[in-house]
Amino acid sequence: MNSRRCSPCRKRWPLGWSACPQCGKNTEAIHLNPTHTDEDARAAIEERFEEFLVAREERRIGEGPEGIGIREARELIDLERRLA
C-alpha cells in the first residue's frame, strides 16, 4: 500500500491518514502514490479547525448573554458529573 484515498474528496494522502484531513471521512489504503503530502494534510486540518472556530464563535454570539450562560452552566455540570 502506498497511500490512502478519500472516496468523497478523491484525494490520496500519505499512509498515516486513516481519516481524510480535508473532509474527515474514512480513507482506504490503495496502491497508488499520494497526490498530497503530510504538510498538505496538516494545512487542511488547520483550515477545518479555523472554520470550526469561526462557526462556533458565530453560534456563541448568536446565543446572546443568556444563552452563553446557560450553555456554560450545562458544560460545568456535565464536567462535574464526569469528575465525580
N, C-alpha and C. Protein backbone atom coordinates (compact mmCIF):
# COMPACT_ATOMS: atom_id res chain seq x y z
N MET A 1 0.84 -1.18 0.00
CA MET A 1 0.00 0.00 0.00
C MET A 1 0.89 1.25 0.00
N ASN A 2 0.54 2.20 -0.84
CA ASN A 2 1.36 3.41 -0.97
C ASN A 2 0.69 4.65 -0.41
N SER A 3 -0.64 4.68 -0.39
CA SER A 3 -1.33 5.87 0.08
C SER A 3 -2.72 5.48 0.57
N ARG A 4 -3.46 6.50 1.02
CA ARG A 4 -4.84 6.29 1.46
C ARG A 4 -5.71 7.28 0.70
N ARG A 5 -6.80 6.77 0.10
CA ARG A 5 -7.67 7.60 -0.73
C ARG A 5 -8.98 7.89 -0.01
N CYS A 6 -9.41 9.13 -0.15
CA CYS A 6 -10.72 9.55 0.35
C CYS A 6 -11.68 9.48 -0.82
N SER A 7 -12.68 8.64 -0.72
CA SER A 7 -13.64 8.49 -1.82
C SER A 7 -14.41 9.77 -2.10
N PRO A 8 -14.96 10.47 -1.09
CA PRO A 8 -15.71 11.71 -1.39
C PRO A 8 -14.83 12.80 -2.01
N CYS A 9 -13.62 12.99 -1.51
CA CYS A 9 -12.75 14.07 -2.00
C CYS A 9 -11.92 13.66 -3.22
N ARG A 10 -11.73 12.36 -3.39
CA ARG A 10 -10.90 11.82 -4.46
C ARG A 10 -9.44 12.24 -4.32
N LYS A 11 -9.00 12.47 -3.11
CA LYS A 11 -7.61 12.85 -2.85
C LYS A 11 -6.88 11.66 -2.24
N ARG A 12 -5.59 11.57 -2.55
CA ARG A 12 -4.76 10.50 -2.00
C ARG A 12 -3.77 11.12 -1.02
N TRP A 13 -3.82 10.62 0.21
CA TRP A 13 -2.98 11.13 1.29
C TRP A 13 -1.91 10.11 1.63
N PRO A 14 -0.83 10.54 2.28
CA PRO A 14 0.20 9.59 2.74
C PRO A 14 -0.43 8.55 3.68
N LEU A 15 0.26 7.45 3.87
CA LEU A 15 -0.28 6.31 4.59
C LEU A 15 -0.76 6.57 6.01
N GLY A 16 -0.27 7.48 6.72
CA GLY A 16 -0.66 7.67 8.12
C GLY A 16 -2.04 8.26 8.33
N TRP A 17 -2.77 8.62 7.31
CA TRP A 17 -4.03 9.35 7.44
C TRP A 17 -5.23 8.42 7.23
N SER A 18 -5.74 7.85 8.31
CA SER A 18 -6.90 6.96 8.21
C SER A 18 -8.20 7.74 8.03
N ALA A 19 -8.18 9.01 8.37
CA ALA A 19 -9.32 9.90 8.10
C ALA A 19 -8.83 11.02 7.20
N CYS A 20 -9.66 11.43 6.27
CA CYS A 20 -9.29 12.47 5.32
C CYS A 20 -9.12 13.81 6.05
N PRO A 21 -7.98 14.45 5.93
CA PRO A 21 -7.78 15.75 6.57
C PRO A 21 -8.70 16.83 6.00
N GLN A 22 -9.13 16.65 4.76
CA GLN A 22 -9.98 17.64 4.09
C GLN A 22 -11.42 17.58 4.57
N CYS A 23 -11.99 16.36 4.66
CA CYS A 23 -13.42 16.26 4.99
C CYS A 23 -13.71 15.42 6.23
N GLY A 24 -12.72 14.67 6.72
CA GLY A 24 -12.91 13.87 7.93
C GLY A 24 -13.46 12.48 7.70
N LYS A 25 -13.78 12.13 6.46
CA LYS A 25 -14.30 10.79 6.17
C LYS A 25 -13.17 9.77 6.21
N ASN A 26 -13.51 8.49 6.37
CA ASN A 26 -12.51 7.42 6.39
C ASN A 26 -11.84 7.29 5.02
N THR A 27 -10.56 6.92 5.05
CA THR A 27 -9.83 6.69 3.81
C THR A 27 -9.56 5.20 3.66
N GLU A 28 -9.23 4.79 2.44
CA GLU A 28 -8.91 3.39 2.18
C GLU A 28 -7.49 3.28 1.63
N ALA A 29 -6.79 2.25 2.04
CA ALA A 29 -5.42 2.02 1.56
C ALA A 29 -5.47 1.57 0.11
N ILE A 30 -4.60 2.17 -0.71
CA ILE A 30 -4.54 1.82 -2.14
C ILE A 30 -3.08 1.72 -2.57
N HIS A 31 -2.87 1.22 -3.79
CA HIS A 31 -1.53 1.01 -4.33
C HIS A 31 -1.11 2.13 -5.29
N LEU A 32 -1.48 3.35 -5.05
CA LEU A 32 -1.07 4.49 -5.86
C LEU A 32 -0.31 5.47 -4.98
N ASN A 33 0.55 6.25 -5.58
CA ASN A 33 1.30 7.26 -4.83
C ASN A 33 0.36 8.36 -4.36
N PRO A 34 0.65 8.95 -3.21
CA PRO A 34 -0.19 10.05 -2.72
C PRO A 34 -0.10 11.27 -3.64
N THR A 35 -1.20 12.00 -3.74
CA THR A 35 -1.22 13.25 -4.51
C THR A 35 -0.98 14.45 -3.60
N HIS A 36 -1.03 14.23 -2.30
CA HIS A 36 -0.82 15.30 -1.32
C HIS A 36 0.20 14.83 -0.29
N THR A 37 0.85 15.78 0.35
CA THR A 37 1.90 15.48 1.33
C THR A 37 1.33 15.58 2.76
N ASP A 38 2.15 15.16 3.72
CA ASP A 38 1.77 15.32 5.13
C ASP A 38 1.58 16.79 5.46
N GLU A 39 2.39 17.64 4.86
CA GLU A 39 2.26 19.08 5.09
C GLU A 39 0.91 19.58 4.57
N ASP A 40 0.48 19.10 3.40
CA ASP A 40 -0.83 19.46 2.87
C ASP A 40 -1.93 19.00 3.82
N ALA A 41 -1.76 17.81 4.37
CA ALA A 41 -2.76 17.26 5.30
C ALA A 41 -2.86 18.12 6.55
N ARG A 42 -1.72 18.50 7.10
CA ARG A 42 -1.75 19.36 8.30
C ARG A 42 -2.39 20.71 7.99
N ALA A 43 -2.12 21.27 6.82
CA ALA A 43 -2.73 22.54 6.43
C ALA A 43 -4.24 22.40 6.29
N ALA A 44 -4.69 21.28 5.73
CA ALA A 44 -6.13 21.04 5.58
C ALA A 44 -6.80 20.93 6.95
N ILE A 45 -6.14 20.26 7.89
CA ILE A 45 -6.70 20.13 9.23
C ILE A 45 -6.77 21.49 9.91
N GLU A 46 -5.73 22.29 9.76
CA GLU A 46 -5.74 23.63 10.36
C GLU A 46 -6.87 24.47 9.77
N GLU A 47 -7.10 24.35 8.46
CA GLU A 47 -8.17 25.10 7.81
C GLU A 47 -9.54 24.66 8.33
N ARG A 48 -9.74 23.35 8.46
CA ARG A 48 -11.00 22.85 9.01
C ARG A 48 -11.21 23.33 10.44
N PHE A 49 -10.14 23.34 11.23
CA PHE A 49 -10.24 23.78 12.62
C PHE A 49 -10.59 25.26 12.70
N GLU A 50 -9.97 26.08 11.85
CA GLU A 50 -10.28 27.51 11.82
C GLU A 50 -11.76 27.73 11.46
N GLU A 51 -12.27 26.97 10.47
CA GLU A 51 -13.67 27.08 10.09
C GLU A 51 -14.58 26.69 11.25
N PHE A 52 -14.19 25.65 11.98
CA PHE A 52 -14.95 25.22 13.14
C PHE A 52 -15.00 26.33 14.19
N LEU A 53 -13.85 26.96 14.46
CA LEU A 53 -13.80 28.02 15.47
C LEU A 53 -14.66 29.21 15.07
N VAL A 54 -14.63 29.59 13.80
CA VAL A 54 -15.43 30.72 13.33
C VAL A 54 -16.92 30.40 13.51
N ALA A 55 -17.33 29.20 13.08
CA ALA A 55 -18.74 28.81 13.21
C ALA A 55 -19.15 28.75 14.68
N ARG A 56 -18.27 28.24 15.52
CA ARG A 56 -18.57 28.15 16.96
C ARG A 56 -18.74 29.54 17.56
N GLU A 57 -17.87 30.46 17.18
CA GLU A 57 -17.95 31.82 17.71
C GLU A 57 -19.23 32.51 17.23
N GLU A 58 -19.62 32.28 15.98
CA GLU A 58 -20.86 32.86 15.46
C GLU A 58 -22.07 32.33 16.23
N ARG A 59 -22.07 31.01 16.51
CA ARG A 59 -23.17 30.43 17.30
C ARG A 59 -23.18 31.02 18.71
N ARG A 60 -22.00 31.15 19.29
CA ARG A 60 -21.90 31.67 20.66
C ARG A 60 -22.44 33.08 20.74
N ILE A 61 -22.06 33.91 19.79
CA ILE A 61 -22.53 35.30 19.77
C ILE A 61 -24.03 35.34 19.53
N GLY A 62 -24.54 34.47 18.66
CA GLY A 62 -25.96 34.42 18.35
C GLY A 62 -26.81 34.00 19.53
N GLU A 63 -26.24 33.26 20.47
CA GLU A 63 -26.99 32.82 21.65
C GLU A 63 -27.28 33.97 22.60
N GLY A 64 -26.50 35.03 22.52
CA GLY A 64 -26.67 36.15 23.44
C GLY A 64 -26.13 35.80 24.82
N PRO A 65 -26.07 36.78 25.70
CA PRO A 65 -25.51 36.55 27.04
C PRO A 65 -26.22 35.46 27.83
N GLU A 66 -27.56 35.41 27.73
CA GLU A 66 -28.30 34.40 28.49
C GLU A 66 -27.99 33.00 27.97
N GLY A 67 -27.97 32.86 26.66
CA GLY A 67 -27.68 31.56 26.06
C GLY A 67 -26.29 31.08 26.40
N ILE A 68 -25.34 32.00 26.38
CA ILE A 68 -23.96 31.64 26.72
C ILE A 68 -23.89 31.15 28.16
N GLY A 69 -24.54 31.86 29.07
CA GLY A 69 -24.52 31.48 30.47
C GLY A 69 -25.15 30.12 30.71
N ILE A 70 -26.27 29.86 30.04
CA ILE A 70 -26.95 28.56 30.19
C ILE A 70 -26.07 27.45 29.65
N ARG A 71 -25.49 27.64 28.46
CA ARG A 71 -24.65 26.61 27.86
C ARG A 71 -23.43 26.33 28.73
N GLU A 72 -22.76 27.39 29.20
CA GLU A 72 -21.58 27.20 30.03
C GLU A 72 -21.94 26.52 31.35
N ALA A 73 -23.09 26.83 31.92
CA ALA A 73 -23.51 26.18 33.15
C ALA A 73 -23.73 24.69 32.91
N ARG A 74 -24.36 24.34 31.79
CA ARG A 74 -24.57 22.92 31.47
C ARG A 74 -23.23 22.20 31.29
N GLU A 75 -22.29 22.87 30.62
CA GLU A 75 -20.97 22.25 30.43
C GLU A 75 -20.28 22.01 31.76
N LEU A 76 -20.37 22.96 32.69
CA LEU A 76 -19.77 22.79 34.02
C LEU A 76 -20.43 21.66 34.79
N ILE A 77 -21.76 21.58 34.71
CA ILE A 77 -22.48 20.50 35.40
C ILE A 77 -22.06 19.15 34.83
N ASP A 78 -21.98 19.05 33.50
CA ASP A 78 -21.55 17.80 32.87
C ASP A 78 -20.13 17.43 33.29
N LEU A 79 -19.25 18.42 33.34
CA LEU A 79 -17.86 18.17 33.74
C LEU A 79 -17.81 17.68 35.18
N GLU A 80 -18.55 18.33 36.07
CA GLU A 80 -18.57 17.90 37.48
C GLU A 80 -19.08 16.47 37.62
N ARG A 81 -20.10 16.12 36.84
CA ARG A 81 -20.64 14.76 36.90
C ARG A 81 -19.60 13.73 36.43
N ARG A 82 -18.87 14.06 35.38
CA ARG A 82 -17.85 13.13 34.88
C ARG A 82 -16.71 12.97 35.87
N LEU A 83 -16.37 14.05 36.58
CA LEU A 83 -15.25 14.00 37.53
C LEU A 83 -15.66 13.36 38.86
N ALA A 84 -16.94 13.32 39.13
CA ALA A 84 -17.42 12.77 40.42
C ALA A 84 -17.24 11.28 40.50
